[in-house]
Amino acid sequence: MDKANVWLVTGASKGMGLSLVKKLLQNGYRVAATTRNIQNLTDSTKRFQDSNFLPLEVDLTDTISVQQAFKKTVAHFGSIDVLVNNAGYGIGGAVEELSEVEIKNSFNVNVMAVIKTMQSVMPYFRQQRSGRIINVSSIAGFAPAAGWAMYAATKYAVMGLSEVMAEDVKEYGVKVTVVAPGAFRTAFLAEESLVFASDKIDGYKLIRESHEKYAGMNGKQNGNPEKLAEVFIKLSEDPNPPLRLYLGSDAYNRAKEKINLLSQELENNKELSFYTDFE
């Protein structure tokens, strides 16, 4: 366990991010943690506020703000070793219900922020020829549910982005893992956290039922965020970490069902697939 490692964790004021930051500090790691509201983060981490902890108020949608976060981290700790893109934004609704602003907000936080942080960290990783990137996607980025089209779109993007990023940076000794969690017992499904399209259209019964189902899961999720934090630490130390990792039995089962469906569809349409080749 290399406790000299410096971590930067986004979206650290609550949920999985906060659990990870606390676990890292408890184990003696050095941690920079970003949040939109630094007061919330410092209130939640009072007993850890020492030289090993650097809370940062960062607007992840702003390139300069993101770049400054990495400069401050390296200036404070002397290096950076692990980037965790945990910050996320979920919105439910039918595609036609969502406004352009709601769609852009979702992509800015879930996709563009991941791109900005990776662009900002890579100069440091390339120079030291090492580094770890852990991007948090979702099982919705592989096996999505009704009513969450835009959330799924952003998380699919993170999956694809991470897969190619892993290939692009491996020559520099940088390793990338994209994590697809299922439902974890955080505030993500709490009434004050769930976000839905502001202009709802009558009908869409299936979507409303899906939203009610997920709201009803709050506080009953199988996933333990403390154990997730332990897994992230193990990933950072694994010499050959997985590229894709589905966390939670629900994520595993949904992924397995999706893989079976894809295999069946692929074989059922093999004739059409081959038909489009030149003879």
Protein backbone atom coordinates (compact mmCIF):
# COMPACT_ATOMS: atom_id res chain seq x y z
CA MET A 1 0.00 0.00 0.00
CA ASP A 2 1.73 3.16 -1.25
CA LYS A 3 0.43 5.83 1.11
CA ALA A 4 2.68 8.39 -0.57
CA ASN A 5 0.23 8.45 -3.46
CA VAL A 6 -1.64 11.69 -4.07
CA TRP A 7 -5.30 11.39 -5.06
CA LEU A 8 -7.63 13.94 -6.62
CA VAL A 9 -11.31 13.07 -6.22
CA THR A 10 -14.12 15.06 -7.85
CA GLY A 11 -17.62 15.32 -6.42
CA ALA A 12 -16.30 14.74 -2.92
CA SER A 13 -18.84 16.47 -0.69
CA LYS A 14 -21.33 13.59 -0.53
CA GLY A 15 -22.10 10.04 -1.57
CA MET A 16 -19.43 7.79 -3.01
CA GLY A 17 -16.94 10.63 -3.30
CA LEU A 18 -17.17 11.55 0.38
CA SER A 19 -16.90 7.90 1.44
CA LEU A 20 -13.77 7.52 -0.68
CA VAL A 21 -12.14 10.69 0.62
CA LYS A 22 -12.74 9.67 4.24
CA LYS A 23 -11.40 6.16 3.62
CA LEU A 24 -8.28 7.52 1.93
CA LEU A 25 -7.56 9.97 4.74
CA GLN A 26 -8.18 7.30 7.38
CA ASN A 27 -5.53 5.19 5.66
CA GLY A 28 -2.97 7.97 5.47
CA TYR A 29 -3.18 8.92 1.81
CA ARG A 30 -2.80 12.49 0.61
CA VAL A 31 -6.01 13.76 -0.94
CA ALA A 32 -7.21 16.75 -2.95
CA ALA A 33 -10.99 16.81 -3.13
CA THR A 34 -13.17 18.98 -5.32
CA THR A 35 -16.65 20.27 -4.65
CA ARG A 36 -18.96 23.05 -5.82
CA ASN A 37 -19.52 24.10 -2.20
CA ILE A 38 -16.39 23.90 -0.08
CA GLN A 39 -18.29 24.54 3.17
CA ASN A 40 -20.25 21.30 2.75
CA LEU A 41 -17.02 19.38 2.19
CA THR A 42 -15.12 20.89 5.12
CA ASP A 43 -18.08 20.38 7.45
CA SER A 44 -18.10 16.66 6.54
CA THR A 45 -14.34 16.20 6.96
CA LYS A 46 -13.49 18.33 10.02
CA ARG A 47 -11.48 15.64 11.78
CA PHE A 48 -9.27 15.10 8.72
CA GLN A 49 -8.23 18.68 8.07
CA ASP A 50 -4.45 18.51 8.14
CA SER A 51 -1.60 18.72 5.63
CA ASN A 52 -2.76 15.47 3.96
CA PHE A 53 -6.06 17.03 2.91
CA LEU A 54 -6.62 19.76 0.33
CA PRO A 55 -10.29 20.73 -0.19
CA LEU A 56 -10.84 22.63 -3.43
CA GLU A 57 -13.86 24.60 -4.63
CA VAL A 58 -13.97 23.84 -8.35
CA ASP A 59 -16.39 24.46 -11.20
CA LEU A 60 -15.91 21.30 -13.23
CA THR A 61 -17.62 22.89 -16.22
CA ASP A 62 -14.94 25.60 -16.41
CA THR A 63 -11.59 24.68 -17.98
CA ILE A 64 -9.53 27.25 -16.07
CA SER A 65 -11.07 26.24 -12.74
CA VAL A 66 -10.24 22.60 -13.43
CA GLN A 67 -6.67 23.36 -14.50
CA GLN A 68 -6.13 25.46 -11.39
CA ALA A 69 -7.25 22.55 -9.21
CA PHE A 70 -4.45 20.37 -10.58
CA LYS A 71 -1.87 23.15 -10.28
CA LYS A 72 -2.85 23.70 -6.64
CA THR A 73 -2.72 19.96 -5.95
CA VAL A 74 0.79 19.57 -7.36
CA ALA A 75 1.96 22.78 -5.67
CA HIS A 76 0.65 21.50 -2.31
CA PHE A 77 1.71 17.85 -2.48
CA GLY A 78 4.48 17.88 -5.09
CA SER A 79 2.82 15.35 -7.39
CA ILE A 80 -0.42 13.63 -8.38
CA ASP A 81 -0.89 9.89 -8.84
CA VAL A 82 -4.59 8.99 -8.95
CA LEU A 83 -7.50 10.85 -10.53
CA VAL A 84 -11.03 9.76 -9.65
CA ASN A 85 -13.81 11.27 -11.75
CA ASN A 86 -16.73 10.75 -9.41
CA ALA A 87 -18.82 13.91 -9.85
CA GLY A 88 -22.11 13.17 -11.58
CA TYR A 89 -25.48 14.58 -12.46
CA GLY A 90 -28.57 12.50 -13.15
CA ILE A 91 -31.80 13.62 -14.76
CA GLY A 92 -34.86 11.56 -15.61
CA GLY A 93 -37.42 12.11 -18.32
CA ALA A 94 -38.45 11.25 -21.86
CA VAL A 95 -36.16 12.63 -24.54
CA GLU A 96 -38.81 15.02 -25.84
CA GLU A 97 -39.46 16.36 -22.33
CA LEU A 98 -35.89 17.50 -21.73
CA SER A 99 -34.90 21.05 -22.57
CA GLU A 100 -31.66 21.98 -24.30
CA VAL A 101 -30.39 23.49 -21.06
CA GLU A 102 -31.16 20.32 -19.08
CA ILE A 103 -29.39 18.20 -21.67
CA LYS A 104 -26.33 20.47 -21.78
CA ASN A 105 -26.11 20.53 -17.97
CA SER A 106 -26.07 16.75 -17.92
CA PHE A 107 -23.36 16.43 -20.56
CA ASN A 108 -21.28 19.26 -19.11
CA VAL A 109 -20.98 17.57 -15.72
CA ASN A 110 -20.99 13.90 -16.70
CA VAL A 111 -18.90 14.01 -19.87
CA MET A 112 -17.16 17.33 -20.49
CA ALA A 113 -15.89 17.53 -16.91
CA VAL A 114 -14.32 14.07 -17.26
CA ILE A 115 -12.62 15.21 -20.45
CA LYS A 116 -11.38 18.43 -18.82
CA THR A 117 -9.88 16.64 -15.80
CA MET A 118 -8.14 14.04 -17.96
CA GLN A 119 -6.76 16.74 -20.24
CA SER A 120 -5.49 18.60 -17.17
CA VAL A 121 -3.87 15.61 -15.46
CA MET A 122 -2.17 14.03 -18.47
CA PRO A 123 0.75 16.52 -18.69
CA TYR A 124 1.75 15.48 -15.15
CA PHE A 125 1.20 11.77 -15.84
CA ARG A 126 3.15 11.92 -19.10
CA GLN A 127 6.08 13.63 -17.42
CA GLN A 128 6.29 11.07 -14.61
CA ARG A 129 5.28 8.21 -16.94
CA SER A 130 2.77 6.83 -14.48
CA GLY A 131 -0.68 7.49 -13.13
CA ARG A 132 -4.11 6.00 -12.52
CA ILE A 133 -7.46 7.24 -13.78
CA ILE A 134 -10.70 5.85 -12.35
CA ASN A 135 -13.79 7.12 -14.14
CA VAL A 136 -17.16 6.50 -12.53
CA SER A 137 -19.78 5.61 -15.12
CA SER A 138 -22.88 3.58 -14.19
CA ILE A 139 -24.58 0.33 -15.05
CA ALA A 140 -26.85 2.73 -16.96
CA GLY A 141 -23.89 3.21 -19.29
CA PHE A 142 -24.25 -0.39 -20.46
CA ALA A 143 -27.69 -1.67 -19.43
CA PRO A 144 -29.93 1.41 -19.01
CA ALA A 145 -33.43 1.59 -17.60
CA ALA A 146 -36.57 3.27 -18.97
CA GLY A 147 -36.90 6.96 -18.16
CA TRP A 148 -33.22 7.76 -17.90
CA ALA A 149 -32.23 8.23 -21.54
CA MET A 150 -30.04 11.31 -21.10
CA TYR A 151 -28.31 9.93 -18.02
CA ALA A 152 -27.61 6.74 -19.93
CA ALA A 153 -26.30 8.71 -22.91
CA THR A 154 -23.75 10.49 -20.75
CA LYS A 155 -22.66 7.33 -18.97
CA TYR A 156 -22.32 5.44 -22.27
CA ALA A 157 -20.06 8.29 -23.37
CA VAL A 158 -17.88 7.85 -20.27
CA MET A 159 -17.59 4.13 -20.98
CA GLY A 160 -16.47 4.65 -24.58
CA LEU A 161 -14.22 7.56 -23.69
CA SER A 162 -12.48 5.52 -20.99
CA GLU A 163 -11.98 2.47 -23.21
CA VAL A 164 -10.16 4.48 -25.87
CA MET A 165 -8.31 6.61 -23.30
CA ALA A 166 -6.86 3.43 -21.79
CA GLU A 167 -5.38 2.49 -25.16
CA ASP A 168 -4.12 5.98 -25.91
CA VAL A 169 -2.19 6.50 -22.66
CA LYS A 170 -0.82 3.05 -21.84
CA GLU A 171 2.51 3.83 -23.54
CA TYR A 172 3.04 6.41 -20.77
CA GLY A 173 2.43 3.88 -18.01
CA VAL A 174 -1.00 5.35 -17.25
CA LYS A 175 -3.80 2.90 -16.46
CA VAL A 176 -7.50 3.60 -16.79
CA THR A 177 -10.46 1.82 -15.21
CA VAL A 178 -14.08 2.74 -15.83
CA VAL A 179 -16.35 1.67 -12.98
CA ALA A 180 -20.03 0.95 -13.58
CA PRO A 181 -21.77 0.82 -10.20
CA GLY A 182 -25.27 -0.35 -9.58
CA ALA A 183 -27.38 1.18 -6.82
CA PHE A 184 -25.36 2.20 -3.76
CA ARG A 185 -26.81 3.42 -0.49
CA THR A 186 -26.07 7.12 -0.91
CA ALA A 187 -28.30 10.18 -1.27
CA PHE A 188 -28.40 9.80 -5.08
CA LEU A 189 -32.01 8.54 -4.99
CA ALA A 190 -33.17 10.86 -2.21
CA GLU A 191 -36.05 13.19 -3.04
CA GLU A 192 -33.82 16.25 -2.75
CA SER A 193 -31.25 14.73 -5.13
CA LEU A 194 -33.41 13.28 -7.89
CA VAL A 195 -33.81 15.62 -10.85
CA PHE A 196 -36.50 15.28 -13.51
CA ALA A 197 -37.43 17.14 -16.65
CA SER A 198 -39.19 20.37 -15.70
CA ASP A 199 -41.75 20.16 -18.51
CA LYS A 200 -43.50 16.80 -18.25
CA ILE A 201 -45.78 15.48 -20.98
CA ASP A 202 -48.98 13.60 -20.13
CA GLY A 203 -48.74 9.90 -20.82
CA TYR A 204 -45.37 8.12 -20.61
CA LYS A 205 -46.76 5.79 -17.99
CA LEU A 206 -43.77 3.42 -18.18
CA ILE A 207 -41.35 6.26 -17.49
CA ARG A 208 -43.29 7.53 -14.46
CA GLU A 209 -43.44 3.98 -13.07
CA SER A 210 -39.69 3.62 -13.55
CA HIS A 211 -39.04 6.88 -11.69
CA GLU A 212 -41.31 5.79 -8.82
CA LYS A 213 -39.49 2.46 -8.66
CA TYR A 214 -36.09 4.10 -8.31
CA ALA A 215 -37.34 6.65 -5.77
CA GLY A 216 -38.71 3.76 -3.73
CA MET A 217 -35.27 2.13 -3.63
CA ASN A 218 -33.79 4.99 -1.58
CA GLY A 219 -32.21 3.65 1.61
CA LYS A 220 -32.63 0.05 0.46
CA GLN A 221 -29.84 -0.16 -2.12
CA ASN A 222 -27.58 -3.19 -1.86
CA GLY A 223 -24.36 -1.29 -2.55
CA ASN A 224 -22.15 -0.33 0.39
CA PRO A 225 -20.18 2.88 -0.38
CA GLU A 226 -17.56 1.97 2.26
CA LYS A 227 -16.75 -1.23 0.40
CA LEU A 228 -16.71 0.66 -2.90
CA ALA A 229 -14.04 2.96 -1.45
CA GLU A 230 -11.96 -0.09 -0.51
CA VAL A 231 -12.26 -1.40 -4.07
CA PHE A 232 -11.05 1.91 -5.48
CA ILE A 233 -7.94 1.74 -3.30
CA LYS A 234 -7.29 -1.82 -4.49
CA LEU A 235 -7.68 -0.69 -8.09
CA SER A 236 -5.05 2.00 -7.57
CA GLU A 237 -2.57 -0.62 -6.34
CA ASP A 238 -3.36 -3.38 -8.85
CA PRO A 239 -0.50 -3.70 -11.38
CA ASN A 240 -3.03 -4.95 -13.95
CA PRO A 241 -6.36 -3.30 -13.11
CA PRO A 242 -9.45 -4.17 -15.15
CA LEU A 243 -10.50 -1.73 -17.83
CA ARG A 244 -14.21 -2.22 -17.07
CA LEU A 245 -15.52 -3.07 -13.62
CA TYR A 246 -19.19 -3.59 -12.71
CA LEU A 247 -19.73 -3.03 -8.99
CA GLY A 248 -22.68 -4.45 -7.08
CA SER A 249 -24.58 -7.67 -7.65
CA ASP A 250 -27.31 -5.70 -9.42
CA ALA A 251 -24.79 -4.22 -11.84
CA TYR A 252 -23.30 -7.66 -12.50
CA ASN A 253 -26.71 -9.22 -13.15
CA ARG A 254 -27.88 -6.41 -15.43
CA ALA A 255 -24.61 -6.55 -17.37
CA LYS A 256 -24.90 -10.33 -17.71
CA GLU A 257 -28.47 -10.05 -19.04
CA LYS A 258 -27.39 -7.35 -21.51
CA ILE A 259 -24.46 -9.44 -22.76
CA ASN A 260 -26.78 -12.39 -23.38
CA LEU A 261 -29.21 -10.13 -25.23
CA LEU A 262 -26.42 -8.67 -27.37
CA SER A 263 -25.13 -12.13 -28.25
CA GLN A 264 -28.60 -13.28 -29.25
CA GLU A 265 -29.27 -10.18 -31.36
CA LEU A 266 -25.89 -10.47 -33.04
CA GLU A 267 -26.49 -14.05 -34.12
CA ASN A 268 -30.14 -13.45 -35.08
CA ASN A 269 -29.06 -10.72 -37.49
CA LYS A 270 -25.83 -12.30 -38.76
CA GLU A 271 -27.22 -12.76 -42.27
CA LEU A 272 -28.07 -9.06 -42.58
CA SER A 273 -24.69 -8.07 -41.13
CA PHE A 274 -22.82 -10.10 -43.74
CA TYR A 275 -25.17 -9.11 -46.59
CA THR A 276 -23.80 -5.54 -46.75
CA ASP A 277 -20.26 -6.71 -47.71
CA PHE A 278 -19.07 -6.58 -51.31
CA GLU A 279 -19.29 -10.04 -52.87
